[in-house]
Amino acid sequence: YLQMNDLKPEDTAIYYCAVLTSGLGASEVPSEYS
């Protein structure tokens, strides 16, 4: 889940769920997700 509070206009976007199958840590890079 992603609980979002105090939403602002700049939060407007398409939100995507993704899965990381490698042994990496908490990656912030989209290309790392499978």
PDB file of all heavy atoms in Angstrom:
ATOM      1  N   TYR A   1       0.827  -1.195   0.000  1.00  0.00           N
ATOM      2  CA  TYR A   1       0.000   0.000   0.000  1.00  0.00           C
ATOM      3  C   TYR A   1       0.864   1.248   0.000  1.00  0.00           C
ATOM      4  O   TYR A   1       2.004   1.246   0.460  1.00  0.00           O
ATOM      5  CB  TYR A   1      -0.911   0.034   1.233  1.00  0.00           C
ATOM      6  CG  TYR A   1      -1.822  -1.151   1.357  1.00  0.00           C
ATOM      7  CD1 TYR A   1      -1.462  -2.251   2.121  1.00  0.00           C
ATOM      8  CD2 TYR A   1      -3.051  -1.169   0.703  1.00  0.00           C
ATOM      9  CE1 TYR A   1      -2.302  -3.346   2.240  1.00  0.00           C
ATOM     10  CE2 TYR A   1      -3.895  -2.255   0.817  1.00  0.00           C
ATOM     11  CZ  TYR A   1      -3.521  -3.344   1.582  1.00  0.00           C
ATOM     12  OH  TYR A   1      -4.357  -4.421   1.690  1.00  0.00           O
ATOM     13  N   LEU A   2       0.299   2.318  -0.506  1.00  0.00           N
ATOM     14  CA  LEU A   2       0.903   3.630  -0.380  1.00  0.00           C
ATOM     15  C   LEU A   2      -0.164   4.573   0.152  1.00  0.00           C
ATOM     16  O   LEU A   2      -1.081   4.955  -0.576  1.00  0.00           O
ATOM     17  CB  LEU A   2       1.453   4.142  -1.709  1.00  0.00           C
ATOM     18  CG  LEU A   2       2.179   5.488  -1.635  1.00  0.00           C
ATOM     19  CD1 LEU A   2       3.484   5.348  -0.848  1.00  0.00           C
ATOM     20  CD2 LEU A   2       2.468   6.030  -3.031  1.00  0.00           C
ATOM     21  N   GLN A   3      -0.058   4.918   1.432  1.00  0.00           N
ATOM     22  CA  GLN A   3      -0.963   5.877   2.045  1.00  0.00           C
ATOM     23  C   GLN A   3      -0.412   7.268   1.801  1.00  0.00           C
ATOM     24  O   GLN A   3       0.710   7.575   2.200  1.00  0.00           O
ATOM     25  CB  GLN A   3      -1.095   5.609   3.549  1.00  0.00           C
ATOM     26  CG  GLN A   3      -1.894   6.662   4.303  1.00  0.00           C
ATOM     27  CD  GLN A   3      -3.352   6.684   3.913  1.00  0.00           C
ATOM     28  OE1 GLN A   3      -3.988   5.637   3.816  1.00  0.00           O
ATOM     29  NE2 GLN A   3      -3.892   7.874   3.676  1.00  0.00           N
ATOM     30  N   MET A   4      -1.192   8.106   1.150  1.00  0.00           N
ATOM     31  CA  MET A   4      -0.763   9.450   0.797  1.00  0.00           C
ATOM     32  C   MET A   4      -1.644  10.464   1.511  1.00  0.00           C
ATOM     33  O   MET A   4      -2.863  10.466   1.331  1.00  0.00           O
ATOM     34  CB  MET A   4      -0.821   9.660  -0.717  1.00  0.00           C
ATOM     35  CG  MET A   4       0.002   8.651  -1.512  1.00  0.00           C
ATOM     36  SD  MET A   4       0.045   9.025  -3.285  1.00  0.00           S
ATOM     37  CE  MET A   4      -1.679   8.741  -3.703  1.00  0.00           C
ATOM     38  N   ASN A   5      -1.017  11.314   2.304  1.00  0.00           N
ATOM     39  CA  ASN A   5      -1.712  12.363   3.035  1.00  0.00           C
ATOM     40  C   ASN A   5      -1.229  13.733   2.596  1.00  0.00           C
ATOM     41  O   ASN A   5      -0.152  13.871   2.014  1.00  0.00           O
ATOM     42  CB  ASN A   5      -1.495  12.201   4.542  1.00  0.00           C
ATOM     43  CG  ASN A   5      -2.022  10.902   5.090  1.00  0.00           C
ATOM     44  OD1 ASN A   5      -3.087  10.429   4.688  1.00  0.00           O
ATOM     45  ND2 ASN A   5      -1.284  10.311   6.026  1.00  0.00           N
ATOM     46  N   ASP A   6      -2.026  14.747   2.899  1.00  0.00           N
ATOM     47  CA  ASP A   6      -1.681  16.127   2.577  1.00  0.00           C
ATOM     48  C   ASP A   6      -1.266  16.267   1.116  1.00  0.00           C
ATOM     49  O   ASP A   6      -0.216  16.823   0.790  1.00  0.00           O
ATOM     50  CB  ASP A   6      -0.561  16.621   3.501  1.00  0.00           C
ATOM     51  CG  ASP A   6      -0.330  18.118   3.412  1.00  0.00           C
ATOM     52  OD1 ASP A   6      -1.281  18.853   3.052  1.00  0.00           O
ATOM     53  OD2 ASP A   6       0.789  18.568   3.708  1.00  0.00           O
ATOM     54  N   LEU A   7      -2.099  15.769   0.249  1.00  0.00           N
ATOM     55  CA  LEU A   7      -1.778  15.773  -1.178  1.00  0.00           C
ATOM     56  C   LEU A   7      -1.780  17.187  -1.749  1.00  0.00           C
ATOM     57  O   LEU A   7      -2.559  18.047  -1.327  1.00  0.00           O
ATOM     58  CB  LEU A   7      -2.759  14.893  -1.936  1.00  0.00           C
ATOM     59  CG  LEU A   7      -2.525  13.391  -1.751  1.00  0.00           C
ATOM     60  CD1 LEU A   7      -3.743  12.598  -2.167  1.00  0.00           C
ATOM     61  CD2 LEU A   7      -1.303  12.955  -2.550  1.00  0.00           C
ATOM     62  N   LYS A   8      -0.897  17.398  -2.711  1.00  0.00           N
ATOM     63  CA  LYS A   8      -0.724  18.689  -3.354  1.00  0.00           C
ATOM     64  C   LYS A   8      -0.869  18.529  -4.861  1.00  0.00           C
ATOM     65  O   LYS A   8      -0.694  17.429  -5.390  1.00  0.00           O
ATOM     66  CB  LYS A   8       0.659  19.259  -3.022  1.00  0.00           C
ATOM     67  CG  LYS A   8       0.942  19.361  -1.536  1.00  0.00           C
ATOM     68  CD  LYS A   8       2.385  19.762  -1.264  1.00  0.00           C
ATOM     69  CE  LYS A   8       2.666  19.812   0.222  1.00  0.00           C
ATOM     70  NZ  LYS A   8       4.075  20.181   0.510  1.00  0.00           N
ATOM     71  N   PRO A   9      -1.171  19.616  -5.572  1.00  0.00           N
ATOM     72  CA  PRO A   9      -1.300  19.509  -7.030  1.00  0.00           C
ATOM     73  C   PRO A   9      -0.069  18.897  -7.701  1.00  0.00           C
ATOM     74  O   PRO A   9      -0.214  18.178  -8.699  1.00  0.00           O
ATOM     75  CB  PRO A   9      -1.509  20.964  -7.463  1.00  0.00           C
ATOM     76  CG  PRO A   9      -2.199  21.583  -6.302  1.00  0.00           C
ATOM     77  CD  PRO A   9      -1.554  20.950  -5.087  1.00  0.00           C
ATOM     78  N   GLU A  10       1.118  19.157  -7.183  1.00  0.00           N
ATOM     79  CA  GLU A  10       2.331  18.601  -7.766  1.00  0.00           C
ATOM     80  C   GLU A  10       2.450  17.091  -7.582  1.00  0.00           C
ATOM     81  O   GLU A  10       3.337  16.465  -8.158  1.00  0.00           O
ATOM     82  CB  GLU A  10       3.585  19.290  -7.208  1.00  0.00           C
ATOM     83  CG  GLU A  10       3.646  19.328  -5.692  1.00  0.00           C
ATOM     84  CD  GLU A  10       3.168  20.645  -5.116  1.00  0.00           C
ATOM     85  OE1 GLU A  10       2.134  21.158  -5.593  1.00  0.00           O
ATOM     86  OE2 GLU A  10       3.827  21.168  -4.197  1.00  0.00           O
ATOM     87  N   ASP A  11       1.564  16.501  -6.775  1.00  0.00           N
ATOM     88  CA  ASP A  11       1.521  15.049  -6.632  1.00  0.00           C
ATOM     89  C   ASP A  11       0.743  14.389  -7.763  1.00  0.00           C
ATOM     90  O   ASP A  11       0.722  13.155  -7.858  1.00  0.00           O
ATOM     91  CB  ASP A  11       0.889  14.649  -5.296  1.00  0.00           C
ATOM     92  CG  ASP A  11       1.731  15.068  -4.105  1.00  0.00           C
ATOM     93  OD1 ASP A  11       2.965  14.922  -4.158  1.00  0.00           O
ATOM     94  OD2 ASP A  11       1.143  15.536  -3.105  1.00  0.00           O
ATOM     95  N   THR A  12       0.091  15.173  -8.588  1.00  0.00           N
ATOM     96  CA  THR A  12      -0.664  14.638  -9.714  1.00  0.00           C
ATOM     97  C   THR A  12       0.263  13.883 -10.656  1.00  0.00           C
ATOM     98  O   THR A  12       1.248  14.433 -11.151  1.00  0.00           O
ATOM     99  CB  THR A  12      -1.378  15.758 -10.468  1.00  0.00           C
ATOM    100  OG1 THR A  12      -2.355  16.361  -9.616  1.00  0.00           O
ATOM    101  CG2 THR A  12      -2.072  15.221 -11.710  1.00  0.00           C
ATOM    102  N   ALA A  13      -0.039  12.614 -10.891  1.00  0.00           N
ATOM    103  CA  ALA A  13       0.813  11.759 -11.714  1.00  0.00           C
ATOM    104  C   ALA A  13       0.165  10.395 -11.854  1.00  0.00           C
ATOM    105  O   ALA A  13      -0.805  10.078 -11.166  1.00  0.00           O
ATOM    106  CB  ALA A  13       2.198  11.600 -11.085  1.00  0.00           C
ATOM    107  N   ILE A  14       0.725   9.589 -12.739  1.00  0.00           N
ATOM    108  CA  ILE A  14       0.394   8.175 -12.766  1.00  0.00           C
ATOM    109  C   ILE A  14       1.348   7.476 -11.806  1.00  0.00           C
ATOM    110  O   ILE A  14       2.564   7.633 -11.911  1.00  0.00           O
ATOM    111  CB  ILE A  14       0.532   7.577 -14.176  1.00  0.00           C
ATOM    112  CG1 ILE A  14      -0.408   8.288 -15.147  1.00  0.00           C
ATOM    113  CG2 ILE A  14       0.223   6.094 -14.150  1.00  0.00           C
ATOM    114  CD1 ILE A  14      -0.253   7.839 -16.590  1.00  0.00           C
ATOM    115  N   TYR A  15       0.799   6.723 -10.882  1.00  0.00           N
ATOM    116  CA  TYR A  15       1.596   6.018  -9.886  1.00  0.00           C
ATOM    117  C   TYR A  15       1.730   4.553 -10.281  1.00  0.00           C
ATOM    118  O   TYR A  15       0.739   3.891 -10.593  1.00  0.00           O
ATOM    119  CB  TYR A  15       0.966   6.151  -8.499  1.00  0.00           C
ATOM    120  CG  TYR A  15       1.198   7.512  -7.892  1.00  0.00           C
ATOM    121  CD1 TYR A  15       0.548   8.632  -8.391  1.00  0.00           C
ATOM    122  CD2 TYR A  15       2.083   7.678  -6.830  1.00  0.00           C
ATOM    123  CE1 TYR A  15       0.778   9.886  -7.855  1.00  0.00           C
ATOM    124  CE2 TYR A  15       2.310   8.929  -6.284  1.00  0.00           C
ATOM    125  CZ  TYR A  15       1.659  10.027  -6.798  1.00  0.00           C
ATOM    126  OH  TYR A  15       1.893  11.275  -6.253  1.00  0.00           O
ATOM    127  N   TYR A  16       2.966   4.055 -10.255  1.00  0.00           N
ATOM    128  CA  TYR A  16       3.269   2.698 -10.679  1.00  0.00           C
ATOM    129  C   TYR A  16       3.840   1.877  -9.537  1.00  0.00           C
ATOM    130  O   TYR A  16       4.686   2.355  -8.775  1.00  0.00           O
ATOM    131  CB  TYR A  16       4.297   2.701 -11.809  1.00  0.00           C
ATOM    132  CG  TYR A  16       3.847   3.360 -13.085  1.00  0.00           C
ATOM    133  CD1 TYR A  16       4.110   4.704 -13.321  1.00  0.00           C
ATOM    134  CD2 TYR A  16       3.173   2.637 -14.056  1.00  0.00           C
ATOM    135  CE1 TYR A  16       3.713   5.314 -14.495  1.00  0.00           C
ATOM    136  CE2 TYR A  16       2.774   3.235 -15.237  1.00  0.00           C
ATOM    137  CZ  TYR A  16       3.046   4.580 -15.446  1.00  0.00           C
ATOM    138  OH  TYR A  16       2.650   5.169 -16.626  1.00  0.00           O
ATOM    139  N   CYS A  17       3.402   0.651  -9.441  1.00  0.00           N
ATOM    140  CA  CYS A  17       3.998  -0.337  -8.551  1.00  0.00           C
ATOM    141  C   CYS A  17       5.045  -1.117  -9.337  1.00  0.00           C
ATOM    142  O   CYS A  17       4.839  -1.422 -10.513  1.00  0.00           O
ATOM    143  CB  CYS A  17       2.912  -1.272  -8.021  1.00  0.00           C
ATOM    144  SG  CYS A  17       3.495  -2.554  -6.901  1.00  0.00           S
ATOM    145  N   ALA A  18       6.181  -1.429  -8.706  1.00  0.00           N
ATOM    146  CA  ALA A  18       7.254  -2.134  -9.387  1.00  0.00           C
ATOM    147  C   ALA A  18       7.907  -3.152  -8.465  1.00  0.00           C
ATOM    148  O   ALA A  18       7.863  -3.021  -7.244  1.00  0.00           O
ATOM    149  CB  ALA A  18       8.302  -1.135  -9.894  1.00  0.00           C
ATOM    150  N   VAL A  19       8.545  -4.156  -9.077  1.00  0.00           N
ATOM    151  CA  VAL A  19       9.199  -5.232  -8.346  1.00  0.00           C
ATOM    152  C   VAL A  19      10.673  -5.278  -8.707  1.00  0.00           C
ATOM    153  O   VAL A  19      11.039  -5.249  -9.885  1.00  0.00           O
ATOM    154  CB  VAL A  19       8.544  -6.593  -8.650  1.00  0.00           C
ATOM    155  CG1 VAL A  19       9.350  -7.725  -8.018  1.00  0.00           C
ATOM    156  CG2 VAL A  19       7.115  -6.620  -8.136  1.00  0.00           C
ATOM    157  N   LEU A  20      11.515  -5.372  -7.680  1.00  0.00           N
ATOM    158  CA  LEU A  20      12.958  -5.482  -7.848  1.00  0.00           C
ATOM    159  C   LEU A  20      13.367  -6.915  -7.532  1.00  0.00           C
ATOM    160  O   LEU A  20      13.253  -7.355  -6.390  1.00  0.00           O
ATOM    161  CB  LEU A  20      13.669  -4.494  -6.922  1.00  0.00           C
ATOM    162  CG  LEU A  20      15.197  -4.428  -6.983  1.00  0.00           C
ATOM    163  CD1 LEU A  20      15.650  -3.874  -8.322  1.00  0.00           C
ATOM    164  CD2 LEU A  20      15.728  -3.570  -5.843  1.00  0.00           C
ATOM    165  N   THR A  21      13.855  -7.636  -8.535  1.00  0.00           N
ATOM    166  CA  THR A  21      14.189  -9.048  -8.361  1.00  0.00           C
ATOM    167  C   THR A  21      15.674  -9.291  -8.133  1.00  0.00           C
ATOM    168  O   THR A  21      16.072 -10.410  -7.801  1.00  0.00           O
ATOM    169  CB  THR A  21      13.737  -9.871  -9.570  1.00  0.00           C
ATOM    170  OG1 THR A  21      14.340  -9.352 -10.758  1.00  0.00           O
ATOM    171  CG2 THR A  21      12.224  -9.833  -9.713  1.00  0.00           C
ATOM    172  N   SER A  22      16.514  -8.298  -8.302  1.00  0.00           N
ATOM    173  CA  SER A  22      17.939  -8.438  -8.078  1.00  0.00           C
ATOM    174  C   SER A  22      18.244  -8.393  -6.591  1.00  0.00           C
ATOM    175  O   SER A  22      17.360  -8.177  -5.763  1.00  0.00           O
ATOM    176  CB  SER A  22      18.709  -7.344  -8.810  1.00  0.00           C
ATOM    177  OG  SER A  22      18.543  -6.095  -8.162  1.00  0.00           O
ATOM    178  N   GLY A  23      19.511  -8.582  -6.261  1.00  0.00           N
ATOM    179  CA  GLY A  23      19.926  -8.532  -4.868  1.00  0.00           C
ATOM    180  C   GLY A  23      20.291  -7.149  -4.388  1.00  0.00           C
ATOM    181  O   GLY A  23      20.876  -6.999  -3.317  1.00  0.00           O
ATOM    182  N   LEU A  24      19.947  -6.126  -5.156  1.00  0.00           N
ATOM    183  CA  LEU A  24      20.240  -4.758  -4.783  1.00  0.00           C
ATOM    184  C   LEU A  24      19.414  -4.328  -3.584  1.00  0.00           C
ATOM    185  O   LEU A  24      18.377  -4.917  -3.275  1.00  0.00           O
ATOM    186  CB  LEU A  24      19.978  -3.822  -5.962  1.00  0.00           C
ATOM    187  CG  LEU A  24      20.806  -4.047  -7.226  1.00  0.00           C
ATOM    188  CD1 LEU A  24      20.335  -3.126  -8.339  1.00  0.00           C
ATOM    189  CD2 LEU A  24      22.283  -3.833  -6.946  1.00  0.00           C
ATOM    190  N   GLY A  25      19.873  -3.278  -2.943  1.00  0.00           N
ATOM    191  CA  GLY A  25      19.126  -2.676  -1.860  1.00  0.00           C
ATOM    192  C   GLY A  25      17.993  -1.822  -2.386  1.00  0.00           C
ATOM    193  O   GLY A  25      17.468  -2.053  -3.482  1.00  0.00           O
ATOM    194  N   ALA A  26      17.625  -0.822  -1.613  1.00  0.00           N
ATOM    195  CA  ALA A  26      16.499   0.048  -1.958  1.00  0.00           C
ATOM    196  C   ALA A  26      16.875   0.956  -3.130  1.00  0.00           C
ATOM    197  O   ALA A  26      17.308   2.086  -2.941  1.00  0.00           O
ATOM    198  CB  ALA A  26      16.083   0.871  -0.756  1.00  0.00           C
ATOM    199  N   SER A  27      16.672   0.463  -4.329  1.00  0.00           N
ATOM    200  CA  SER A  27      17.023   1.214  -5.524  1.00  0.00           C
ATOM    201  C   SER A  27      15.998   2.291  -5.834  1.00  0.00           C
ATOM    202  O   SER A  27      14.796   2.095  -5.646  1.00  0.00           O
ATOM    203  CB  SER A  27      17.140   0.269  -6.722  1.00  0.00           C
ATOM    204  OG  SER A  27      17.386   0.998  -7.909  1.00  0.00           O
ATOM    205  N   GLU A  28      16.481   3.426  -6.320  1.00  0.00           N
ATOM    206  CA  GLU A  28      15.627   4.519  -6.760  1.00  0.00           C
ATOM    207  C   GLU A  28      15.655   4.669  -8.271  1.00  0.00           C
ATOM    208  O   GLU A  28      15.119   5.638  -8.811  1.00  0.00           O
ATOM    209  CB  GLU A  28      16.056   5.828  -6.103  1.00  0.00           C
ATOM    210  CG  GLU A  28      15.983   5.802  -4.577  1.00  0.00           C
ATOM    211  CD  GLU A  28      16.381   7.115  -3.941  1.00  0.00           C
ATOM    212  OE1 GLU A  28      16.639   8.091  -4.680  1.00  0.00           O
ATOM    213  OE2 GLU A  28      16.425   7.179  -2.699  1.00  0.00           O
ATOM    214  N   VAL A  29      16.256   3.713  -8.959  1.00  0.00           N
ATOM    215  CA  VAL A  29      16.448   3.771 -10.400  1.00  0.00           C
ATOM    216  C   VAL A  29      15.420   2.889 -11.094  1.00  0.00           C
ATOM    217  O   VAL A  29      15.416   1.673 -10.909  1.00  0.00           O
ATOM    218  CB  VAL A  29      17.870   3.324 -10.776  1.00  0.00           C
ATOM    219  CG1 VAL A  29      18.074   3.432 -12.280  1.00  0.00           C
ATOM    220  CG2 VAL A  29      18.901   4.144 -10.019  1.00  0.00           C
ATOM    221  N   PRO A  30      14.547   3.461 -11.917  1.00  0.00           N
ATOM    222  CA  PRO A  30      13.506   2.665 -12.577  1.00  0.00           C
ATOM    223  C   PRO A  30      14.032   1.493 -13.384  1.00  0.00           C
ATOM    224  O   PRO A  30      13.421   0.419 -13.380  1.00  0.00           O
ATOM    225  CB  PRO A  30      12.807   3.694 -13.479  1.00  0.00           C
ATOM    226  CG  PRO A  30      13.013   4.999 -12.781  1.00  0.00           C
ATOM    227  CD  PRO A  30      14.388   4.905 -12.193  1.00  0.00           C
ATOM    228  N   SER A  31      15.175   1.664 -14.063  1.00  0.00           N
ATOM    229  CA  SER A  31      15.705   0.609 -14.918  1.00  0.00           C
ATOM    230  C   SER A  31      16.160  -0.618 -14.142  1.00  0.00           C
ATOM    231  O   SER A  31      16.365  -1.676 -14.739  1.00  0.00           O
ATOM    232  CB  SER A  31      16.861   1.148 -15.769  1.00  0.00           C
ATOM    233  OG  SER A  31      17.943   1.573 -14.955  1.00  0.00           O
ATOM    234  N   GLU A  32      16.325  -0.499 -12.845  1.00  0.00           N
ATOM    235  CA  GLU A  32      16.732  -1.632 -12.028  1.00  0.00           C
ATOM    236  C   GLU A  32      15.570  -2.572 -11.705  1.00  0.00           C
ATOM    237  O   GLU A  32      15.789  -3.700 -11.275  1.00  0.00           O
ATOM    238  CB  GLU A  32      17.359  -1.148 -10.722  1.00  0.00           C
ATOM    239  CG  GLU A  32      18.662  -0.360 -10.888  1.00  0.00           C
ATOM    240  CD  GLU A  32      19.819  -1.225 -11.337  1.00  0.00           C
ATOM    241  OE1 GLU A  32      19.747  -2.464 -11.192  1.00  0.00           O
ATOM    242  OE2 GLU A  32      20.807  -0.663 -11.840  1.00  0.00           O
ATOM    243  N   TYR A  33      14.353  -2.124 -11.930  1.00  0.00           N
ATOM    244  CA  TYR A  33      13.177  -2.909 -11.588  1.00  0.00           C
ATOM    245  C   TYR A  33      12.737  -3.789 -12.749  1.00  0.00           C
ATOM    246  O   TYR A  33      12.772  -3.358 -13.912  1.00  0.00           O
ATOM    247  CB  TYR A  33      12.035  -1.987 -11.136  1.00  0.00           C
ATOM    248  CG  TYR A  33      12.276  -1.439  -9.756  1.00  0.00           C
ATOM    249  CD1 TYR A  33      13.184  -0.405  -9.547  1.00  0.00           C
ATOM    250  CD2 TYR A  33      11.619  -1.978  -8.650  1.00  0.00           C
ATOM    251  CE1 TYR A  33      13.432   0.076  -8.267  1.00  0.00           C
ATOM    252  CE2 TYR A  33      11.862  -1.494  -7.378  1.00  0.00           C
ATOM    253  CZ  TYR A  33      12.766  -0.474  -7.188  1.00  0.00           C
ATOM    254  OH  TYR A  33      13.007   0.007  -5.921  1.00  0.00           O
ATOM    255  N   SER A  34      12.324  -5.001 -12.420  1.00  0.00           N
ATOM    256  CA  SER A  34      12.038  -6.015 -13.433  1.00  0.00           C
ATOM    257  C   SER A  34      10.596  -6.008 -13.924  1.00  0.00           C
ATOM    258  O   SER A  34      10.339  -6.311 -15.095  1.00  0.00           O
ATOM    259  CB  SER A  34      12.364  -7.404 -12.881  1.00  0.00           C
ATOM    260  OG  SER A  34      13.736  -7.505 -12.538  1.00  0.00           O
TER     261      SER A  34
END
